[in-house]
Amino acid sequence: MQSIEFCLNREFVQLNQLLKLTGLCDSGGAGKALVAGGGVAVDGNAELRKTCKIRVGQVVRLGDVEIKVVAGGETFPA
């Protein structure tokens, strides 16, 4: 399984944007399609809300890729 550590410098990031920012899809719209397809889990539970708020400490899984959201850093523009 591939593991990605995503540094969050805000209160939250929308799920579809997280998938885009980590390079798992090309756009926020493609991220929405992935979520709608039922292949995304947040903290071990299937997530169908495309713009679900993802916060520090949560783990997102898409296929064999796991994204761990951690505090700090400048991952995306303000």
PDB file of N, CA and C in Angstrom:
ATOM      1  N   MET A   1       0.835  -1.177   0.000  1.00  0.00           N
ATOM      2  CA  MET A   1       0.000   0.000   0.000  1.00  0.00           C
ATOM      3  C   MET A   1       0.879   1.240   0.000  1.00  0.00           C
ATOM      4  N   GLN A   2       0.520   2.207  -0.844  1.00  0.00           N
ATOM      5  CA  GLN A   2       1.240   3.477  -0.893  1.00  0.00           C
ATOM      6  C   GLN A   2       0.674   4.408   0.173  1.00  0.00           C
ATOM      7  N   SER A   3       1.550   5.110   0.875  1.00  0.00           N
ATOM      8  CA  SER A   3       1.123   6.030   1.918  1.00  0.00           C
ATOM      9  C   SER A   3       1.612   7.431   1.586  1.00  0.00           C
ATOM     10  N   ILE A   4       0.688   8.405   1.674  1.00  0.00           N
ATOM     11  CA  ILE A   4       1.004   9.807   1.414  1.00  0.00           C
ATOM     12  C   ILE A   4       0.717  10.586   2.688  1.00  0.00           C
ATOM     13  N   GLU A   5       1.628  11.470   3.066  1.00  0.00           N
ATOM     14  CA  GLU A   5       1.404  12.353   4.211  1.00  0.00           C
ATOM     15  C   GLU A   5       1.083  13.741   3.650  1.00  0.00           C
ATOM     16  N   PHE A   6      -0.112  14.235   3.956  1.00  0.00           N
ATOM     17  CA  PHE A   6      -0.559  15.532   3.460  1.00  0.00           C
ATOM     18  C   PHE A   6      -0.548  16.528   4.602  1.00  0.00           C
ATOM     19  N   CYS A   7       0.249  17.596   4.466  1.00  0.00           N
ATOM     20  CA  CYS A   7       0.343  18.631   5.501  1.00  0.00           C
ATOM     21  C   CYS A   7      -0.751  19.674   5.277  1.00  0.00           C
ATOM     22  N   LEU A   8      -1.612  19.827   6.255  1.00  0.00           N
ATOM     23  CA  LEU A   8      -2.736  20.759   6.171  1.00  0.00           C
ATOM     24  C   LEU A   8      -2.442  21.999   6.998  1.00  0.00           C
ATOM     25  N   ASN A   9      -2.511  23.170   6.352  1.00  0.00           N
ATOM     26  CA  ASN A   9      -2.212  24.409   7.058  1.00  0.00           C
ATOM     27  C   ASN A   9      -3.472  25.251   7.282  1.00  0.00           C
ATOM     28  N   ARG A  10      -4.612  24.627   7.195  1.00  0.00           N
ATOM     29  CA  ARG A  10      -5.914  25.265   7.428  1.00  0.00           C
ATOM     30  C   ARG A  10      -6.743  24.363   8.331  1.00  0.00           C
ATOM     31  N   GLU A  11      -7.967  24.804   8.616  1.00  0.00           N
ATOM     32  CA  GLU A  11      -8.858  24.007   9.461  1.00  0.00           C
ATOM     33  C   GLU A  11      -9.261  22.708   8.772  1.00  0.00           C
ATOM     34  N   PHE A  12      -9.506  22.772   7.449  1.00  0.00           N
ATOM     35  CA  PHE A  12      -9.943  21.583   6.709  1.00  0.00           C
ATOM     36  C   PHE A  12      -9.643  21.757   5.230  1.00  0.00           C
ATOM     37  N   VAL A  13      -9.764  20.644   4.485  1.00  0.00           N
ATOM     38  CA  VAL A  13      -9.704  20.651   3.031  1.00  0.00           C
ATOM     39  C   VAL A  13     -10.856  19.774   2.557  1.00  0.00           C
ATOM     40  N   GLN A  14     -11.509  20.172   1.471  1.00  0.00           N
ATOM     41  CA  GLN A  14     -12.600  19.360   0.945  1.00  0.00           C
ATOM     42  C   GLN A  14     -12.033  18.082   0.344  1.00  0.00           C
ATOM     43  N   LEU A  15     -12.770  16.999   0.496  1.00  0.00           N
ATOM     44  CA  LEU A  15     -12.295  15.689   0.058  1.00  0.00           C
ATOM     45  C   LEU A  15     -11.902  15.679  -1.413  1.00  0.00           C
ATOM     46  N   ASN A  16     -12.745  16.216  -2.285  1.00  0.00           N
ATOM     47  CA  ASN A  16     -12.408  16.210  -3.715  1.00  0.00           C
ATOM     48  C   ASN A  16     -11.131  16.997  -3.998  1.00  0.00           C
ATOM     49  N   GLN A  17     -10.901  18.088  -3.256  1.00  0.00           N
ATOM     50  CA  GLN A  17      -9.688  18.880  -3.431  1.00  0.00           C
ATOM     51  C   GLN A  17      -8.460  18.148  -2.892  1.00  0.00           C
ATOM     52  N   LEU A  18      -8.633  17.400  -1.817  1.00  0.00           N
ATOM     53  CA  LEU A  18      -7.527  16.614  -1.270  1.00  0.00           C
ATOM     54  C   LEU A  18      -7.041  15.599  -2.302  1.00  0.00           C
ATOM     55  N   LEU A  19      -7.973  14.952  -2.974  1.00  0.00           N
ATOM     56  CA  LEU A  19      -7.592  13.971  -4.001  1.00  0.00           C
ATOM     57  C   LEU A  19      -6.823  14.644  -5.136  1.00  0.00           C
ATOM     58  N   LYS A  20      -7.227  15.860  -5.482  1.00  0.00           N
ATOM     59  CA  LYS A  20      -6.522  16.622  -6.528  1.00  0.00           C
ATOM     60  C   LYS A  20      -5.137  17.051  -6.041  1.00  0.00           C
ATOM     61  N   LEU A  21      -5.072  17.614  -4.839  1.00  0.00           N
ATOM     62  CA  LEU A  21      -3.815  18.154  -4.316  1.00  0.00           C
ATOM     63  C   LEU A  21      -2.762  17.072  -4.077  1.00  0.00           C
ATOM     64  N   THR A  22      -3.188  15.851  -3.831  1.00  0.00           N
ATOM     65  CA  THR A  22      -2.240  14.750  -3.628  1.00  0.00           C
ATOM     66  C   THR A  22      -1.880  14.064  -4.941  1.00  0.00           C
ATOM     67  N   GLY A  23      -2.467  14.535  -6.055  1.00  0.00           N
ATOM     68  CA  GLY A  23      -2.124  13.982  -7.361  1.00  0.00           C
ATOM     69  C   GLY A  23      -2.849  12.704  -7.723  1.00  0.00           C
ATOM     70  N   LEU A  24      -3.886  12.353  -6.970  1.00  0.00           N
ATOM     71  CA  LEU A  24      -4.619  11.125  -7.273  1.00  0.00           C
ATOM     72  C   LEU A  24      -5.644  11.325  -8.382  1.00  0.00           C
ATOM     73  N   CYS A  25      -5.911  12.577  -8.739  1.00  0.00           N
ATOM     74  CA  CYS A  25      -6.750  12.898  -9.885  1.00  0.00           C
ATOM     75  C   CYS A  25      -6.308  14.255 -10.419  1.00  0.00           C
ATOM     76  N   ASP A  26      -6.793  14.602 -11.616  1.00  0.00           N
ATOM     77  CA  ASP A  26      -6.329  15.820 -12.293  1.00  0.00           C
ATOM     78  C   ASP A  26      -7.078  17.085 -11.912  1.00  0.00           C
ATOM     79  N   SER A  27      -8.303  16.946 -11.357  1.00  0.00           N
ATOM     80  CA  SER A  27      -9.097  18.132 -11.049  1.00  0.00           C
ATOM     81  C   SER A  27     -10.063  17.846  -9.909  1.00  0.00           C
ATOM     82  N   GLY A  28     -10.642  18.931  -9.364  1.00  0.00           N
ATOM     83  CA  GLY A  28     -11.640  18.763  -8.321  1.00  0.00           C
ATOM     84  C   GLY A  28     -12.853  18.002  -8.839  1.00  0.00           C
ATOM     85  N   GLY A  29     -13.207  18.229 -10.110  1.00  0.00           N
ATOM     86  CA  GLY A  29     -14.334  17.510 -10.720  1.00  0.00           C
ATOM     87  C   GLY A  29     -14.054  16.022 -10.822  1.00  0.00           C
ATOM     88  N   ALA A  30     -12.821  15.670 -11.163  1.00  0.00           N
ATOM     89  CA  ALA A  30     -12.448  14.253 -11.226  1.00  0.00           C
ATOM     90  C   ALA A  30     -12.475  13.650  -9.822  1.00  0.00           C
ATOM     91  N   GLY A  31     -12.090  14.462  -8.823  1.00  0.00           N
ATOM     92  CA  GLY A  31     -12.158  14.005  -7.441  1.00  0.00           C
ATOM     93  C   GLY A  31     -13.586  13.717  -7.020  1.00  0.00           C
ATOM     94  N   LYS A  32     -14.512  14.588  -7.429  1.00  0.00           N
ATOM     95  CA  LYS A  32     -15.929  14.378  -7.124  1.00  0.00           C
ATOM     96  C   LYS A  32     -16.427  13.076  -7.735  1.00  0.00           C
ATOM     97  N   ALA A  33     -15.992  12.792  -8.970  1.00  0.00           N
ATOM     98  CA  ALA A  33     -16.402  11.558  -9.641  1.00  0.00           C
ATOM     99  C   ALA A  33     -15.876  10.325  -8.907  1.00  0.00           C
ATOM    100  N   LEU A  34     -14.632  10.392  -8.419  1.00  0.00           N
ATOM    101  CA  LEU A  34     -14.068   9.270  -7.663  1.00  0.00           C
ATOM    102  C   LEU A  34     -14.874   9.009  -6.394  1.00  0.00           C
ATOM    103  N   VAL A  35     -15.228  10.079  -5.685  1.00  0.00           N
ATOM    104  CA  VAL A  35     -15.998   9.942  -4.447  1.00  0.00           C
ATOM    105  C   VAL A  35     -17.390   9.389  -4.759  1.00  0.00           C
ATOM    106  N   ALA A  36     -18.031   9.935  -5.790  1.00  0.00           N
ATOM    107  CA  ALA A  36     -19.374   9.496  -6.159  1.00  0.00           C
ATOM    108  C   ALA A  36     -19.399   8.022  -6.562  1.00  0.00           C
ATOM    109  N   GLY A  37     -18.278   7.533  -7.087  1.00  0.00           N
ATOM    110  CA  GLY A  37     -18.175   6.143  -7.498  1.00  0.00           C
ATOM    111  C   GLY A  37     -18.079   5.170  -6.332  1.00  0.00           C
ATOM    112  N   GLY A  38     -17.933   5.694  -5.121  1.00  0.00           N
ATOM    113  CA  GLY A  38     -17.913   4.843  -3.937  1.00  0.00           C
ATOM    114  C   GLY A  38     -16.571   4.237  -3.590  1.00  0.00           C
ATOM    115  N   GLY A  39     -15.504   4.690  -4.220  1.00  0.00           N
ATOM    116  CA  GLY A  39     -14.200   4.085  -3.973  1.00  0.00           C
ATOM    117  C   GLY A  39     -13.352   4.768  -2.922  1.00  0.00           C
ATOM    118  N   VAL A  40     -13.919   5.769  -2.236  1.00  0.00           N
ATOM    119  CA  VAL A  40     -13.133   6.532  -1.268  1.00  0.00           C
ATOM    120  C   VAL A  40     -13.644   6.266   0.145  1.00  0.00           C
ATOM    121  N   ALA A  41     -12.713   6.043   1.079  1.00  0.00           N
ATOM    122  CA  ALA A  41     -13.073   5.828   2.487  1.00  0.00           C
ATOM    123  C   ALA A  41     -12.356   6.870   3.341  1.00  0.00           C
ATOM    124  N   VAL A  42     -13.048   7.340   4.369  1.00  0.00           N
ATOM    125  CA  VAL A  42     -12.467   8.275   5.341  1.00  0.00           C
ATOM    126  C   VAL A  42     -12.548   7.608   6.700  1.00  0.00           C
ATOM    127  N   ASP A  43     -11.408   7.456   7.345  1.00  0.00           N
ATOM    128  CA  ASP A  43     -11.325   6.789   8.651  1.00  0.00           C
ATOM    129  C   ASP A  43     -11.987   5.414   8.631  1.00  0.00           C
ATOM    130  N   GLY A  44     -11.818   4.704   7.516  1.00  0.00           N
ATOM    131  CA  GLY A  44     -12.308   3.334   7.411  1.00  0.00           C
ATOM    132  C   GLY A  44     -13.759   3.187   6.982  1.00  0.00           C
ATOM    133  N   ASN A  45     -14.464   4.303   6.777  1.00  0.00           N
ATOM    134  CA  ASN A  45     -15.870   4.251   6.369  1.00  0.00           C
ATOM    135  C   ASN A  45     -16.037   4.845   4.976  1.00  0.00           C
ATOM    136  N   ALA A  46     -16.855   4.202   4.142  1.00  0.00           N
ATOM    137  CA  ALA A  46     -17.118   4.721   2.800  1.00  0.00           C
ATOM    138  C   ALA A  46     -17.662   6.141   2.913  1.00  0.00           C
ATOM    139  N   GLU A  47     -17.172   7.014   2.045  1.00  0.00           N
ATOM    140  CA  GLU A  47     -17.599   8.417   2.067  1.00  0.00           C
ATOM    141  C   GLU A  47     -18.135   8.805   0.696  1.00  0.00           C
ATOM    142  N   LEU A  48     -19.377   9.276   0.639  1.00  0.00           N
ATOM    143  CA  LEU A  48     -19.996   9.661  -0.619  1.00  0.00           C
ATOM    144  C   LEU A  48     -20.211  11.172  -0.732  1.00  0.00           C
ATOM    145  N   ARG A  49     -19.889  11.903   0.334  1.00  0.00           N
ATOM    146  CA  ARG A  49     -20.007  13.367   0.283  1.00  0.00           C
ATOM    147  C   ARG A  49     -18.758  13.925  -0.394  1.00  0.00           C
ATOM    148  N   LYS A  50     -18.935  14.456  -1.587  1.00  0.00           N
ATOM    149  CA  LYS A  50     -17.799  14.897  -2.411  1.00  0.00           C
ATOM    150  C   LYS A  50     -16.984  16.013  -1.774  1.00  0.00           C
ATOM    151  N   THR A  51     -17.643  16.901  -1.046  1.00  0.00           N
ATOM    152  CA  THR A  51     -16.931  18.030  -0.447  1.00  0.00           C
ATOM    153  C   THR A  51     -16.846  17.896   1.076  1.00  0.00           C
ATOM    154  N   CYS A  52     -16.859  16.679   1.544  1.00  0.00           N
ATOM    155  CA  CYS A  52     -16.696  16.380   2.974  1.00  0.00           C
ATOM    156  C   CYS A  52     -15.447  17.095   3.485  1.00  0.00           C
ATOM    157  N   LYS A  53     -15.533  17.678   4.682  1.00  0.00           N
ATOM    158  CA  LYS A  53     -14.391  18.397   5.266  1.00  0.00           C
ATOM    159  C   LYS A  53     -13.433  17.410   5.923  1.00  0.00           C
ATOM    160  N   ILE A  54     -12.207  17.395   5.440  1.00  0.00           N
ATOM    161  CA  ILE A  54     -11.169  16.515   5.973  1.00  0.00           C
ATOM    162  C   ILE A  54     -10.248  17.355   6.846  1.00  0.00           C
ATOM    163  N   ARG A  55     -10.043  16.879   8.073  1.00  0.00           N
ATOM    164  CA  ARG A  55      -9.246  17.623   9.056  1.00  0.00           C
ATOM    165  C   ARG A  55      -8.005  16.831   9.476  1.00  0.00           C
ATOM    166  N   VAL A  56      -7.117  17.521  10.174  1.00  0.00           N
ATOM    167  CA  VAL A  56      -5.893  16.893  10.686  1.00  0.00           C
ATOM    168  C   VAL A  56      -6.259  15.663  11.509  1.00  0.00           C
ATOM    169  N   GLY A  57      -5.519  14.587  11.298  1.00  0.00           N
ATOM    170  CA  GLY A  57      -5.728  13.349  12.032  1.00  0.00           C
ATOM    171  C   GLY A  57      -6.556  12.323  11.280  1.00  0.00           C
ATOM    172  N   GLN A  58      -7.226  12.746  10.220  1.00  0.00           N
ATOM    173  CA  GLN A  58      -8.045  11.802   9.466  1.00  0.00           C
ATOM    174  C   GLN A  58      -7.205  11.067   8.427  1.00  0.00           C
ATOM    175  N   VAL A  59      -7.708   9.900   8.030  1.00  0.00           N
ATOM    176  CA  VAL A  59      -7.030   9.071   7.033  1.00  0.00           C
ATOM    177  C   VAL A  59      -8.017   8.789   5.906  1.00  0.00           C
ATOM    178  N   VAL A  60      -7.579   9.077   4.685  1.00  0.00           N
ATOM    179  CA  VAL A  60      -8.403   8.866   3.495  1.00  0.00           C
ATOM    180  C   VAL A  60      -7.775   7.737   2.686  1.00  0.00           C
ATOM    181  N   ARG A  61      -8.605   6.836   2.186  1.00  0.00           N
ATOM    182  CA  ARG A  61      -8.090   5.724   1.391  1.00  0.00           C
ATOM    183  C   ARG A  61      -8.806   5.683   0.046  1.00  0.00           C
ATOM    184  N   LEU A  62      -8.019   5.561  -1.016  1.00  0.00           N
ATOM    185  CA  LEU A  62      -8.530   5.382  -2.370  1.00  0.00           C
ATOM    186  C   LEU A  62      -7.760   4.227  -2.977  1.00  0.00           C
ATOM    187  N   GLY A  63      -8.428   3.109  -3.154  1.00  0.00           N
ATOM    188  CA  GLY A  63      -7.754   1.918  -3.668  1.00  0.00           C
ATOM    189  C   GLY A  63      -6.651   1.491  -2.726  1.00  0.00           C
ATOM    190  N   ASP A  64      -5.429   1.386  -3.244  1.00  0.00           N
ATOM    191  CA  ASP A  64      -4.304   0.966  -2.400  1.00  0.00           C
ATOM    192  C   ASP A  64      -3.462   2.156  -1.937  1.00  0.00           C
ATOM    193  N   VAL A  65      -4.049   3.354  -1.977  1.00  0.00           N
ATOM    194  CA  VAL A  65      -3.347   4.565  -1.534  1.00  0.00           C
ATOM    195  C   VAL A  65      -4.023   5.093  -0.267  1.00  0.00           C
ATOM    196  N   GLU A  66      -3.197   5.371   0.737  1.00  0.00           N
ATOM    197  CA  GLU A  66      -3.687   5.914   2.001  1.00  0.00           C
ATOM    198  C   GLU A  66      -3.083   7.304   2.198  1.00  0.00           C
ATOM    199  N   ILE A  67      -3.949   8.283   2.498  1.00  0.00           N
ATOM    200  CA  ILE A  67      -3.505   9.652   2.733  1.00  0.00           C
ATOM    201  C   ILE A  67      -3.697   9.966   4.210  1.00  0.00           C
ATOM    202  N   LYS A  68      -2.607  10.284   4.896  1.00  0.00           N
ATOM    203  CA  LYS A  68      -2.674  10.674   6.307  1.00  0.00           C
ATOM    204  C   LYS A  68      -2.563  12.192   6.365  1.00  0.00           C
ATOM    205  N   VAL A  69      -3.554  12.831   6.977  1.00  0.00           N
ATOM    206  CA  VAL A  69      -3.575  14.290   7.044  1.00  0.00           C
ATOM    207  C   VAL A  69      -2.931  14.727   8.359  1.00  0.00           C
ATOM    208  N   VAL A  70      -1.864  15.512   8.242  1.00  0.00           N
ATOM    209  CA  VAL A  70      -1.115  15.981   9.403  1.00  0.00           C
ATOM    210  C   VAL A  70      -1.088  17.509   9.422  1.00  0.00           C
ATOM    211  N   ALA A  71      -0.772  18.079  10.554  1.00  0.00           N
ATOM    212  CA  ALA A  71      -0.757  19.537  10.725  1.00  0.00           C
ATOM    213  C   ALA A  71       0.519  20.145  10.172  1.00  0.00           C
ATOM    214  N   GLY A  72       0.382  21.389   9.685  1.00  0.00           N
ATOM    215  CA  GLY A  72       1.551  22.185   9.331  1.00  0.00           C
ATOM    216  C   GLY A  72       1.865  22.210   7.867  1.00  0.00           C
ATOM    217  N   GLY A  73       2.876  23.000   7.561  1.00  0.00           N
ATOM    218  CA  GLY A  73       3.371  23.067   6.192  1.00  0.00           C
ATOM    219  C   GLY A  73       2.570  23.993   5.313  1.00  0.00           C
ATOM    220  N   GLU A  74       3.068  24.188   4.109  1.00  0.00           N
ATOM    221  CA  GLU A  74       2.409  25.006   3.110  1.00  0.00           C
ATOM    222  C   GLU A  74       2.128  24.119   1.919  1.00  0.00           C
ATOM    223  N   THR A  75       1.055  23.328   2.003  1.00  0.00           N
ATOM    224  CA  THR A  75       0.761  22.373   0.951  1.00  0.00           C
ATOM    225  C   THR A  75       0.039  22.985  -0.228  1.00  0.00           C
ATOM    226  N   PHE A  76      -0.834  23.956   0.034  1.00  0.00           N
ATOM    227  CA  PHE A  76      -1.550  24.580  -1.074  1.00  0.00           C
ATOM    228  C   PHE A  76      -1.714  26.066  -0.787  1.00  0.00           C
ATOM    229  N   PRO A  77      -1.932  26.859  -1.843  1.00  0.00           N
ATOM    230  CA  PRO A  77      -1.986  28.317  -1.682  1.00  0.00           C
ATOM    231  C   PRO A  77      -3.108  28.783  -0.761  1.00  0.00           C
ATOM    232  N   ALA A  78      -2.886  29.900  -0.101  1.00  0.00           N
ATOM    233  CA  ALA A  78      -3.884  30.462   0.820  1.00  0.00           C
ATOM    234  C   ALA A  78      -5.037  31.101   0.096  1.00  0.00           C
TER     235      ALA A  78
END
